[in-house]
Amino acid sequence: MAATSGVRFPSALRWGWLGVAALLAQIWAVYFAGIQATPGLARRVLLPLTFVLLLVFALRNWHLWGVRVMAVGFLLNLLVIGSNGGLMPITPAEVASVNLLDRIENVQLGEPVPGSKGILMAPREARLWFLSDIIVFPPGSPIARVFSVGDLLVLGGVVIACAEVIRRNRGWRSVRQR
């Protein structure tokens, strides 16, 4: 026990509840908030707010490199969503490329896409288009989806952060067992 008295390891993850709450709020905004009479209004307000909360979560966990990568992704997504009225621009061609045309059957350009964080837009009309949902994983792949650069950074950051947390927990156990 004496060997661990002077050793102090930062906890691996702080304010995890905030990250979980923000993600649950995003899920609610995407799948349930658009049901009311003004489709997309709650999404347009709630989605940017959840990215702000995720950035606060990231700042509390800045000691993890993976969270820093995630924070860059959160920030990029917040920028593009914030500059496009609270939703992520996506083109009809990108929706078609992943065989989801049924989702936009009755959706006009400038309207929210049901069941997503997206707004149907032409590339020339979207602000920060290069940061929007433009990276297509084809239908034949295990993930037939359209992602943004921010989404990929968040995913990469999650992988790195998980590896860091596992590594830190193993290191903590080995010090405690001495």
N, C-alpha and C. Protein backbone atom coordinates (compact mmCIF):
# COMPACT_ATOMS: atom_id res chain seq x y z
N MET A 1 0.81 -1.20 0.00
CA MET A 1 0.00 0.00 0.00
C MET A 1 0.84 1.26 0.00
N ALA A 2 1.97 1.21 0.67
CA ALA A 2 2.81 2.39 0.78
C ALA A 2 3.31 2.86 -0.57
N ALA A 3 3.49 1.94 -1.50
CA ALA A 3 3.99 2.30 -2.83
C ALA A 3 2.99 3.15 -3.61
N THR A 4 1.70 3.04 -3.33
CA THR A 4 0.71 3.79 -4.08
C THR A 4 0.34 5.11 -3.44
N SER A 5 0.78 5.39 -2.24
CA SER A 5 0.33 6.58 -1.54
C SER A 5 0.76 7.86 -2.26
N GLY A 6 1.93 7.89 -2.89
CA GLY A 6 2.38 9.09 -3.58
C GLY A 6 2.01 9.12 -5.05
N VAL A 7 1.46 8.04 -5.58
CA VAL A 7 1.11 7.95 -6.99
C VAL A 7 -0.33 8.40 -7.18
N ARG A 8 -0.53 9.35 -8.10
CA ARG A 8 -1.88 9.83 -8.35
C ARG A 8 -2.17 9.76 -9.85
N PHE A 9 -3.17 8.97 -10.21
CA PHE A 9 -3.57 8.85 -11.60
C PHE A 9 -4.87 9.62 -11.79
N PRO A 10 -4.96 10.43 -12.86
CA PRO A 10 -6.23 11.09 -13.11
C PRO A 10 -7.28 10.04 -13.47
N SER A 11 -8.51 10.29 -13.05
CA SER A 11 -9.55 9.34 -13.44
C SER A 11 -9.64 9.32 -14.96
N ALA A 12 -9.95 8.18 -15.50
CA ALA A 12 -9.92 8.02 -16.95
C ALA A 12 -10.97 8.86 -17.66
N LEU A 13 -12.15 8.94 -17.09
CA LEU A 13 -13.22 9.65 -17.78
C LEU A 13 -14.01 10.47 -16.77
N ARG A 14 -14.15 11.74 -17.05
CA ARG A 14 -14.87 12.64 -16.16
C ARG A 14 -16.16 13.10 -16.83
N TRP A 15 -17.15 13.29 -16.05
CA TRP A 15 -18.45 13.79 -16.50
C TRP A 15 -19.01 12.95 -17.64
N GLY A 16 -18.85 11.66 -17.53
CA GLY A 16 -19.38 10.75 -18.55
C GLY A 16 -20.89 10.91 -18.71
N TRP A 17 -21.55 11.24 -17.63
CA TRP A 17 -23.01 11.45 -17.66
C TRP A 17 -23.38 12.54 -18.66
N LEU A 18 -22.54 13.59 -18.79
CA LEU A 18 -22.84 14.68 -19.71
C LEU A 18 -22.74 14.20 -21.17
N GLY A 19 -21.72 13.41 -21.46
CA GLY A 19 -21.57 12.85 -22.80
C GLY A 19 -22.74 11.96 -23.16
N VAL A 20 -23.14 11.10 -22.22
CA VAL A 20 -24.28 10.20 -22.45
C VAL A 20 -25.56 11.01 -22.63
N ALA A 21 -25.78 12.02 -21.78
CA ALA A 21 -26.99 12.85 -21.88
C ALA A 21 -27.05 13.57 -23.23
N ALA A 22 -25.91 14.09 -23.69
CA ALA A 22 -25.88 14.80 -24.98
C ALA A 22 -26.20 13.84 -26.13
N LEU A 23 -25.63 12.63 -26.07
CA LEU A 23 -25.91 11.65 -27.12
C LEU A 23 -27.37 11.21 -27.11
N LEU A 24 -27.93 11.01 -25.92
CA LEU A 24 -29.36 10.66 -25.83
C LEU A 24 -30.24 11.80 -26.36
N ALA A 25 -29.85 13.04 -26.08
CA ALA A 25 -30.59 14.19 -26.60
C ALA A 25 -30.51 14.24 -28.12
N GLN A 26 -29.35 13.88 -28.69
CA GLN A 26 -29.24 13.83 -30.15
C GLN A 26 -30.16 12.77 -30.73
N ILE A 27 -30.19 11.61 -30.11
CA ILE A 27 -31.06 10.54 -30.58
C ILE A 27 -32.52 10.99 -30.53
N TRP A 28 -32.90 11.63 -29.43
CA TRP A 28 -34.28 12.11 -29.30
C TRP A 28 -34.56 13.15 -30.38
N ALA A 29 -33.63 14.07 -30.60
CA ALA A 29 -33.83 15.13 -31.59
C ALA A 29 -33.98 14.55 -33.00
N VAL A 30 -33.18 13.55 -33.31
CA VAL A 30 -33.20 12.99 -34.66
C VAL A 30 -34.45 12.15 -34.91
N TYR A 31 -34.80 11.30 -33.95
CA TYR A 31 -35.87 10.34 -34.20
C TYR A 31 -37.25 10.73 -33.68
N PHE A 32 -37.33 11.65 -32.72
CA PHE A 32 -38.63 11.95 -32.12
C PHE A 32 -39.04 13.41 -32.18
N ALA A 33 -38.09 14.34 -32.24
CA ALA A 33 -38.42 15.76 -32.18
C ALA A 33 -39.08 16.28 -33.45
N GLY A 34 -38.88 15.63 -34.57
CA GLY A 34 -39.44 16.11 -35.82
C GLY A 34 -40.89 15.71 -36.05
N ILE A 35 -41.50 15.07 -35.06
CA ILE A 35 -42.86 14.57 -35.23
C ILE A 35 -43.90 15.68 -35.08
N GLN A 36 -43.58 16.73 -34.33
CA GLN A 36 -44.57 17.78 -34.09
C GLN A 36 -44.90 18.57 -35.36
N ALA A 37 -45.79 19.55 -35.22
CA ALA A 37 -46.32 20.29 -36.36
C ALA A 37 -45.24 21.07 -37.13
N THR A 38 -44.21 21.52 -36.46
CA THR A 38 -43.15 22.26 -37.14
C THR A 38 -41.92 21.35 -37.24
N PRO A 39 -41.89 20.49 -38.25
CA PRO A 39 -40.81 19.51 -38.34
C PRO A 39 -39.44 20.16 -38.39
N GLY A 40 -38.56 19.64 -37.57
CA GLY A 40 -37.20 20.10 -37.60
C GLY A 40 -36.86 21.25 -36.67
N LEU A 41 -37.87 21.95 -36.15
CA LEU A 41 -37.59 23.10 -35.30
C LEU A 41 -36.83 22.69 -34.04
N ALA A 42 -37.32 21.65 -33.36
CA ALA A 42 -36.62 21.18 -32.15
C ALA A 42 -35.23 20.66 -32.51
N ARG A 43 -35.13 19.99 -33.64
CA ARG A 43 -33.82 19.49 -34.08
C ARG A 43 -32.87 20.65 -34.34
N ARG A 44 -33.36 21.70 -34.96
CA ARG A 44 -32.52 22.85 -35.31
C ARG A 44 -31.97 23.56 -34.08
N VAL A 45 -32.67 23.45 -32.97
CA VAL A 45 -32.21 24.07 -31.73
C VAL A 45 -31.41 23.07 -30.89
N LEU A 46 -31.92 21.86 -30.79
CA LEU A 46 -31.32 20.87 -29.91
C LEU A 46 -29.98 20.32 -30.41
N LEU A 47 -29.86 20.07 -31.71
CA LEU A 47 -28.61 19.50 -32.22
C LEU A 47 -27.40 20.38 -31.95
N PRO A 48 -27.44 21.67 -32.28
CA PRO A 48 -26.27 22.50 -31.94
C PRO A 48 -25.99 22.53 -30.43
N LEU A 49 -27.04 22.53 -29.63
CA LEU A 49 -26.86 22.54 -28.18
C LEU A 49 -26.16 21.26 -27.71
N THR A 50 -26.50 20.13 -28.30
CA THR A 50 -25.85 18.88 -27.88
C THR A 50 -24.36 18.89 -28.23
N PHE A 51 -24.00 19.52 -29.34
CA PHE A 51 -22.58 19.61 -29.67
C PHE A 51 -21.84 20.53 -28.71
N VAL A 52 -22.49 21.56 -28.24
CA VAL A 52 -21.89 22.42 -27.20
C VAL A 52 -21.66 21.59 -25.93
N LEU A 53 -22.66 20.80 -25.53
CA LEU A 53 -22.51 19.94 -24.35
C LEU A 53 -21.39 18.91 -24.55
N LEU A 54 -21.29 18.36 -25.75
CA LEU A 54 -20.21 17.40 -26.03
C LEU A 54 -18.84 18.08 -25.96
N LEU A 55 -18.77 19.35 -26.36
CA LEU A 55 -17.51 20.08 -26.24
C LEU A 55 -17.15 20.32 -24.77
N VAL A 56 -18.14 20.60 -23.94
CA VAL A 56 -17.89 20.75 -22.50
C VAL A 56 -17.38 19.43 -21.93
N PHE A 57 -18.02 18.33 -22.31
CA PHE A 57 -17.57 17.00 -21.90
C PHE A 57 -16.11 16.79 -22.33
N ALA A 58 -15.80 17.18 -23.56
CA ALA A 58 -14.43 17.01 -24.07
C ALA A 58 -13.44 17.84 -23.27
N LEU A 59 -13.80 19.06 -22.92
CA LEU A 59 -12.89 19.89 -22.13
C LEU A 59 -12.62 19.28 -20.75
N ARG A 60 -13.61 18.64 -20.17
CA ARG A 60 -13.42 17.98 -18.87
C ARG A 60 -12.53 16.75 -18.99
N ASN A 61 -12.37 16.24 -20.19
CA ASN A 61 -11.57 15.03 -20.42
C ASN A 61 -10.38 15.30 -21.34
N TRP A 62 -9.90 16.53 -21.33
CA TRP A 62 -8.84 16.95 -22.22
C TRP A 62 -7.55 16.15 -22.01
N HIS A 63 -7.41 15.49 -20.88
CA HIS A 63 -6.22 14.69 -20.60
C HIS A 63 -6.12 13.45 -21.49
N LEU A 64 -7.19 13.10 -22.17
CA LEU A 64 -7.19 11.95 -23.08
C LEU A 64 -7.04 12.44 -24.53
N TRP A 65 -6.04 11.94 -25.23
CA TRP A 65 -5.81 12.36 -26.61
C TRP A 65 -6.99 12.01 -27.51
N GLY A 66 -7.60 10.87 -27.27
CA GLY A 66 -8.76 10.49 -28.09
C GLY A 66 -9.90 11.48 -27.96
N VAL A 67 -10.09 12.01 -26.76
CA VAL A 67 -11.14 13.00 -26.54
C VAL A 67 -10.79 14.30 -27.26
N ARG A 68 -9.52 14.62 -27.35
CA ARG A 68 -9.11 15.81 -28.10
C ARG A 68 -9.47 15.67 -29.58
N VAL A 69 -9.25 14.47 -30.12
CA VAL A 69 -9.61 14.21 -31.52
C VAL A 69 -11.13 14.31 -31.67
N MET A 70 -11.86 13.73 -30.71
CA MET A 70 -13.32 13.82 -30.73
C MET A 70 -13.77 15.29 -30.69
N ALA A 71 -13.11 16.09 -29.87
CA ALA A 71 -13.48 17.51 -29.73
C ALA A 71 -13.36 18.25 -31.05
N VAL A 72 -12.32 17.93 -31.83
CA VAL A 72 -12.18 18.54 -33.15
C VAL A 72 -13.37 18.15 -34.03
N GLY A 73 -13.76 16.88 -33.97
CA GLY A 73 -14.93 16.42 -34.73
C GLY A 73 -16.20 17.10 -34.27
N PHE A 74 -16.40 17.22 -32.95
CA PHE A 74 -17.58 17.92 -32.42
C PHE A 74 -17.61 19.36 -32.92
N LEU A 75 -16.45 20.02 -32.87
CA LEU A 75 -16.37 21.41 -33.29
C LEU A 75 -16.68 21.57 -34.78
N LEU A 76 -16.11 20.70 -35.62
CA LEU A 76 -16.39 20.76 -37.06
C LEU A 76 -17.88 20.55 -37.34
N ASN A 77 -18.48 19.56 -36.67
CA ASN A 77 -19.92 19.32 -36.86
C ASN A 77 -20.74 20.50 -36.37
N LEU A 78 -20.35 21.09 -35.24
CA LEU A 78 -21.07 22.26 -34.73
C LEU A 78 -20.98 23.42 -35.71
N LEU A 79 -19.80 23.63 -36.29
CA LEU A 79 -19.63 24.72 -37.25
C LEU A 79 -20.54 24.56 -38.46
N VAL A 80 -20.54 23.37 -39.05
CA VAL A 80 -21.34 23.18 -40.27
C VAL A 80 -22.83 23.17 -39.93
N ILE A 81 -23.21 22.56 -38.83
CA ILE A 81 -24.63 22.53 -38.45
C ILE A 81 -25.09 23.94 -38.07
N GLY A 82 -24.27 24.63 -37.30
CA GLY A 82 -24.63 25.99 -36.88
C GLY A 82 -24.75 26.95 -38.04
N SER A 83 -23.90 26.78 -39.05
CA SER A 83 -23.94 27.71 -40.19
C SER A 83 -25.02 27.34 -41.21
N ASN A 84 -25.70 26.22 -41.01
CA ASN A 84 -26.77 25.80 -41.93
C ASN A 84 -28.10 25.64 -41.21
N GLY A 85 -28.37 26.51 -40.28
CA GLY A 85 -29.68 26.55 -39.63
C GLY A 85 -29.92 25.44 -38.63
N GLY A 86 -28.87 24.81 -38.11
CA GLY A 86 -29.03 23.80 -37.07
C GLY A 86 -29.10 22.37 -37.56
N LEU A 87 -28.96 22.14 -38.86
CA LEU A 87 -28.99 20.78 -39.40
C LEU A 87 -27.81 20.57 -40.34
N MET A 88 -27.47 19.31 -40.58
CA MET A 88 -26.33 18.93 -41.42
C MET A 88 -26.76 18.81 -42.87
N PRO A 89 -26.15 19.59 -43.77
CA PRO A 89 -26.51 19.49 -45.20
C PRO A 89 -26.15 18.13 -45.79
N ILE A 90 -27.04 17.65 -46.64
CA ILE A 90 -26.80 16.43 -47.41
C ILE A 90 -27.52 16.58 -48.75
N THR A 91 -26.90 16.09 -49.80
CA THR A 91 -27.50 16.25 -51.13
C THR A 91 -28.35 15.03 -51.48
N PRO A 92 -29.32 15.20 -52.38
CA PRO A 92 -30.10 14.05 -52.83
C PRO A 92 -29.22 12.96 -53.43
N ALA A 93 -28.15 13.33 -54.12
CA ALA A 93 -27.26 12.33 -54.73
C ALA A 93 -26.59 11.47 -53.66
N GLU A 94 -26.20 12.07 -52.55
CA GLU A 94 -25.58 11.30 -51.48
C GLU A 94 -26.58 10.36 -50.81
N VAL A 95 -27.81 10.83 -50.64
CA VAL A 95 -28.85 9.97 -50.09
C VAL A 95 -29.10 8.80 -51.03
N ALA A 96 -29.16 9.07 -52.32
CA ALA A 96 -29.38 8.02 -53.32
C ALA A 96 -28.23 7.03 -53.35
N SER A 97 -27.00 7.50 -53.12
CA SER A 97 -25.84 6.62 -53.22
C SER A 97 -25.81 5.55 -52.14
N VAL A 98 -26.57 5.73 -51.07
CA VAL A 98 -26.65 4.70 -50.03
C VAL A 98 -28.04 4.07 -49.97
N ASN A 99 -28.75 4.15 -51.09
CA ASN A 99 -30.08 3.53 -51.25
C ASN A 99 -31.09 3.94 -50.19
N LEU A 100 -31.14 5.24 -49.88
CA LEU A 100 -32.12 5.73 -48.90
C LEU A 100 -33.07 6.76 -49.52
N LEU A 101 -33.33 6.61 -50.82
CA LEU A 101 -34.22 7.56 -51.50
C LEU A 101 -35.62 7.59 -50.90
N ASP A 102 -36.04 6.48 -50.29
CA ASP A 102 -37.37 6.45 -49.68
C ASP A 102 -37.49 7.47 -48.55
N ARG A 103 -36.38 7.82 -47.93
CA ARG A 103 -36.40 8.81 -46.84
C ARG A 103 -36.69 10.22 -47.34
N ILE A 104 -36.37 10.49 -48.60
CA ILE A 104 -36.55 11.86 -49.12
C ILE A 104 -37.60 11.94 -50.21
N GLU A 105 -38.50 10.95 -50.27
CA GLU A 105 -39.54 10.94 -51.30
C GLU A 105 -40.33 12.23 -51.36
N ASN A 106 -40.78 12.74 -50.24
CA ASN A 106 -41.62 13.94 -50.20
C ASN A 106 -40.87 15.14 -49.63
N VAL A 107 -39.56 15.09 -49.64
CA VAL A 107 -38.75 16.16 -49.06
C VAL A 107 -38.20 17.05 -50.17
N GLN A 108 -38.40 18.34 -50.02
CA GLN A 108 -37.89 19.32 -50.98
C GLN A 108 -36.55 19.86 -50.50
N LEU A 109 -35.76 20.44 -51.40
CA LEU A 109 -34.51 21.09 -51.00
C LEU A 109 -34.82 22.14 -49.93
N GLY A 110 -34.00 22.16 -48.91
CA GLY A 110 -34.19 23.11 -47.81
C GLY A 110 -35.02 22.57 -46.66
N GLU A 111 -35.54 21.34 -46.80
CA GLU A 111 -36.35 20.74 -45.74
C GLU A 111 -35.55 19.67 -45.00
N PRO A 112 -35.88 19.48 -43.70
CA PRO A 112 -35.21 18.43 -42.92
C PRO A 112 -35.50 17.03 -43.47
N VAL A 113 -34.51 16.16 -43.40
CA VAL A 113 -34.68 14.77 -43.80
C VAL A 113 -35.20 13.99 -42.59
N PRO A 114 -36.36 13.35 -42.70
CA PRO A 114 -36.91 12.61 -41.56
C PRO A 114 -35.95 11.52 -41.06
N GLY A 115 -35.89 11.37 -39.75
CA GLY A 115 -35.07 10.33 -39.15
C GLY A 115 -33.57 10.55 -39.30
N SER A 116 -33.15 11.80 -39.45
CA SER A 116 -31.73 12.10 -39.57
C SER A 116 -31.45 13.48 -38.99
N LYS A 117 -30.17 13.83 -38.96
CA LYS A 117 -29.79 15.17 -38.53
C LYS A 117 -29.62 16.09 -39.75
N GLY A 118 -30.03 15.60 -40.90
CA GLY A 118 -29.75 16.29 -42.15
C GLY A 118 -30.83 17.21 -42.66
N ILE A 119 -30.38 18.09 -43.53
CA ILE A 119 -31.27 18.96 -44.29
C ILE A 119 -30.88 18.80 -45.76
N LEU A 120 -31.85 18.60 -46.60
CA LEU A 120 -31.59 18.36 -48.03
C LEU A 120 -31.18 19.68 -48.68
N MET A 121 -29.97 19.71 -49.23
CA MET A 121 -29.46 20.94 -49.84
C MET A 121 -28.59 20.62 -51.05
N ALA A 122 -28.53 21.56 -51.96
CA ALA A 122 -27.58 21.49 -53.06
C ALA A 122 -26.23 21.97 -52.52
N PRO A 123 -25.12 21.38 -52.99
CA PRO A 123 -23.81 21.77 -52.47
C PRO A 123 -23.54 23.27 -52.55
N ARG A 124 -23.97 23.91 -53.61
CA ARG A 124 -23.70 25.34 -53.79
C ARG A 124 -24.47 26.20 -52.78
N GLU A 125 -25.53 25.65 -52.18
CA GLU A 125 -26.33 26.40 -51.22
C GLU A 125 -25.89 26.18 -49.78
N ALA A 126 -25.18 25.11 -49.53
CA ALA A 126 -24.76 24.77 -48.17
C ALA A 126 -23.51 25.56 -47.78
N ARG A 127 -23.53 26.10 -46.59
CA ARG A 127 -22.33 26.75 -46.05
C ARG A 127 -21.41 25.67 -45.50
N LEU A 128 -20.12 25.83 -45.71
CA LEU A 128 -19.11 24.85 -45.27
C LEU A 128 -19.43 23.45 -45.79
N TRP A 129 -19.86 23.39 -47.04
CA TRP A 129 -20.29 22.14 -47.65
C TRP A 129 -19.24 21.04 -47.48
N PHE A 130 -17.96 21.38 -47.59
CA PHE A 130 -16.88 20.39 -47.51
C PHE A 130 -16.80 19.73 -46.13
N LEU A 131 -17.48 20.30 -45.13
CA LEU A 131 -17.53 19.69 -43.79
C LEU A 131 -18.84 18.94 -43.54
N SER A 132 -19.74 18.97 -44.51
CA SER A 132 -21.05 18.33 -44.31
C SER A 132 -20.98 16.84 -44.61
N ASP A 133 -22.12 16.19 -44.63
CA ASP A 133 -22.20 14.75 -44.91
C ASP A 133 -21.91 14.51 -46.39
N ILE A 134 -20.64 14.28 -46.71
CA ILE A 134 -20.24 14.08 -48.11
C ILE A 134 -19.42 12.82 -48.31
N ILE A 135 -19.02 12.15 -47.24
CA ILE A 135 -18.21 10.95 -47.35
C ILE A 135 -19.15 9.75 -47.38
N VAL A 136 -19.18 9.05 -48.50
CA VAL A 136 -20.16 7.98 -48.71
C VAL A 136 -19.49 6.62 -48.55
N PHE A 137 -20.07 5.81 -47.68
CA PHE A 137 -19.69 4.40 -47.60
C PHE A 137 -20.73 3.65 -48.42
N PRO A 138 -20.32 2.95 -49.45
CA PRO A 138 -21.26 2.36 -50.42
C PRO A 138 -22.20 1.32 -49.81
N PRO A 139 -23.35 1.10 -50.47
CA PRO A 139 -24.34 0.16 -49.97
C PRO A 139 -23.81 -1.25 -49.77
N GLY A 140 -22.83 -1.66 -50.53
CA GLY A 140 -22.27 -3.00 -50.38
C GLY A 140 -21.40 -3.17 -49.15
N SER A 141 -21.01 -2.06 -48.54
CA SER A 141 -20.14 -2.14 -47.35
C SER A 141 -20.99 -2.42 -46.11
N PRO A 142 -20.33 -2.82 -45.02
CA PRO A 142 -21.09 -3.08 -43.80
C PRO A 142 -21.79 -1.83 -43.25
N ILE A 143 -21.28 -0.66 -43.63
CA ILE A 143 -21.87 0.59 -43.14
C ILE A 143 -22.32 1.41 -44.34
N ALA A 144 -23.53 1.24 -44.79
CA ALA A 144 -24.06 2.02 -45.91
C ALA A 144 -24.60 3.33 -45.35
N ARG A 145 -23.73 4.31 -45.23
CA ARG A 145 -24.08 5.59 -44.62
C ARG A 145 -23.31 6.71 -45.29
N VAL A 146 -23.70 7.93 -44.94
CA VAL A 146 -22.98 9.12 -45.37
C VAL A 146 -22.48 9.82 -44.11
N PHE A 147 -21.19 10.15 -44.10
CA PHE A 147 -20.55 10.75 -42.93
C PHE A 147 -19.95 12.10 -43.28
N SER A 148 -19.69 12.87 -42.24
CA SER A 148 -18.93 14.11 -42.40
C SER A 148 -17.51 13.88 -41.90
N VAL A 149 -16.62 14.81 -42.19
CA VAL A 149 -15.26 14.75 -41.68
C VAL A 149 -15.30 14.73 -40.15
N GLY A 150 -16.19 15.54 -39.56
CA GLY A 150 -16.34 15.57 -38.11
C GLY A 150 -16.76 14.23 -37.55
N ASP A 151 -17.68 13.55 -38.23
CA ASP A 151 -18.12 12.22 -37.77
C ASP A 151 -16.95 11.24 -37.74
N LEU A 152 -16.11 11.28 -38.77
CA LEU A 152 -14.97 10.37 -38.82
C LEU A 152 -13.96 10.68 -37.72
N LEU A 153 -13.75 11.97 -37.42
CA LEU A 153 -12.86 12.34 -36.33
C LEU A 153 -13.43 11.88 -34.98
N VAL A 154 -14.73 12.01 -34.81
CA VAL A 154 -15.36 11.54 -33.57
C VAL A 154 -15.16 10.03 -33.44
N LEU A 155 -15.42 9.30 -34.50
CA LEU A 155 -15.25 7.85 -34.47
C LEU A 155 -13.79 7.46 -34.16
N GLY A 156 -12.85 8.10 -34.83
CA GLY A 156 -11.45 7.83 -34.56
C GLY A 156 -11.08 8.19 -33.12
N GLY A 157 -11.61 9.29 -32.63
CA GLY A 157 -11.34 9.70 -31.26
C GLY A 157 -11.90 8.72 -30.25
N VAL A 158 -13.06 8.16 -30.53
CA VAL A 158 -13.65 7.15 -29.63
C VAL A 158 -12.74 5.93 -29.54
N VAL A 159 -12.23 5.49 -30.69
CA VAL A 159 -11.33 4.32 -30.70
C VAL A 159 -10.07 4.62 -29.89
N ILE A 160 -9.47 5.79 -30.12
CA ILE A 160 -8.25 6.17 -29.40
C ILE A 160 -8.54 6.30 -27.90
N ALA A 161 -9.64 6.96 -27.55
CA ALA A 161 -9.98 7.15 -26.13
C ALA A 161 -10.23 5.82 -25.43
N CYS A 162 -10.91 4.90 -26.10
CA CYS A 162 -11.14 3.58 -25.50
C CYS A 162 -9.82 2.88 -25.23
N ALA A 163 -8.91 2.94 -26.18
CA ALA A 163 -7.59 2.33 -26.00
C ALA A 163 -6.86 2.98 -24.83
N GLU A 164 -6.97 4.30 -24.71
CA GLU A 164 -6.31 5.01 -23.61
C GLU A 164 -6.90 4.60 -22.26
N VAL A 165 -8.21 4.53 -22.18
CA VAL A 165 -8.86 4.17 -20.92
C VAL A 165 -8.47 2.75 -20.52
N ILE A 166 -8.45 1.83 -21.47
CA ILE A 166 -8.05 0.44 -21.17
C ILE A 166 -6.60 0.41 -20.70
N ARG A 167 -5.73 1.14 -21.39
CA ARG A 167 -4.31 1.18 -21.01
C ARG A 167 -4.13 1.78 -19.61
N ARG A 168 -4.84 2.86 -19.32
CA ARG A 168 -4.72 3.50 -18.00
C ARG A 168 -5.24 2.57 -16.91
N ASN A 169 -6.33 1.88 -17.17
CA ASN A 169 -6.87 0.97 -16.15
C ASN A 169 -5.91 -0.18 -15.88
N ARG A 170 -5.26 -0.70 -16.89
CA ARG A 170 -4.28 -1.77 -16.69
C ARG A 170 -3.09 -1.24 -15.89
N GLY A 171 -2.64 -0.04 -16.21
CA GLY A 171 -1.53 0.57 -15.49
C GLY A 171 -1.87 0.82 -14.04
N TRP A 172 -3.08 1.26 -13.76
CA TRP A 172 -3.52 1.52 -12.39
C TRP A 172 -3.58 0.23 -11.58
N ARG A 173 -4.09 -0.83 -12.20
CA ARG A 173 -4.16 -2.11 -11.49
C ARG A 173 -2.76 -2.63 -11.15
N SER A 174 -1.81 -2.48 -12.08
CA SER A 174 -0.46 -3.00 -11.81
C SER A 174 0.23 -2.21 -10.70
N VAL A 175 -0.02 -0.91 -10.59
CA VAL A 175 0.56 -0.13 -9.50
C VAL A 175 -0.09 -0.50 -8.19
N ARG A 176 -1.41 -0.71 -8.18
CA ARG A 176 -2.13 -1.06 -6.94
C ARG A 176 -1.72 -2.43 -6.43
N GLN A 177 -1.33 -3.33 -7.33
CA GLN A 177 -0.98 -4.69 -6.91
C GLN A 177 0.42 -4.80 -6.35
N ARG A 178 1.22 -3.76 -6.48
CA ARG A 178 2.61 -3.81 -5.96
C ARG A 178 2.65 -3.75 -4.47
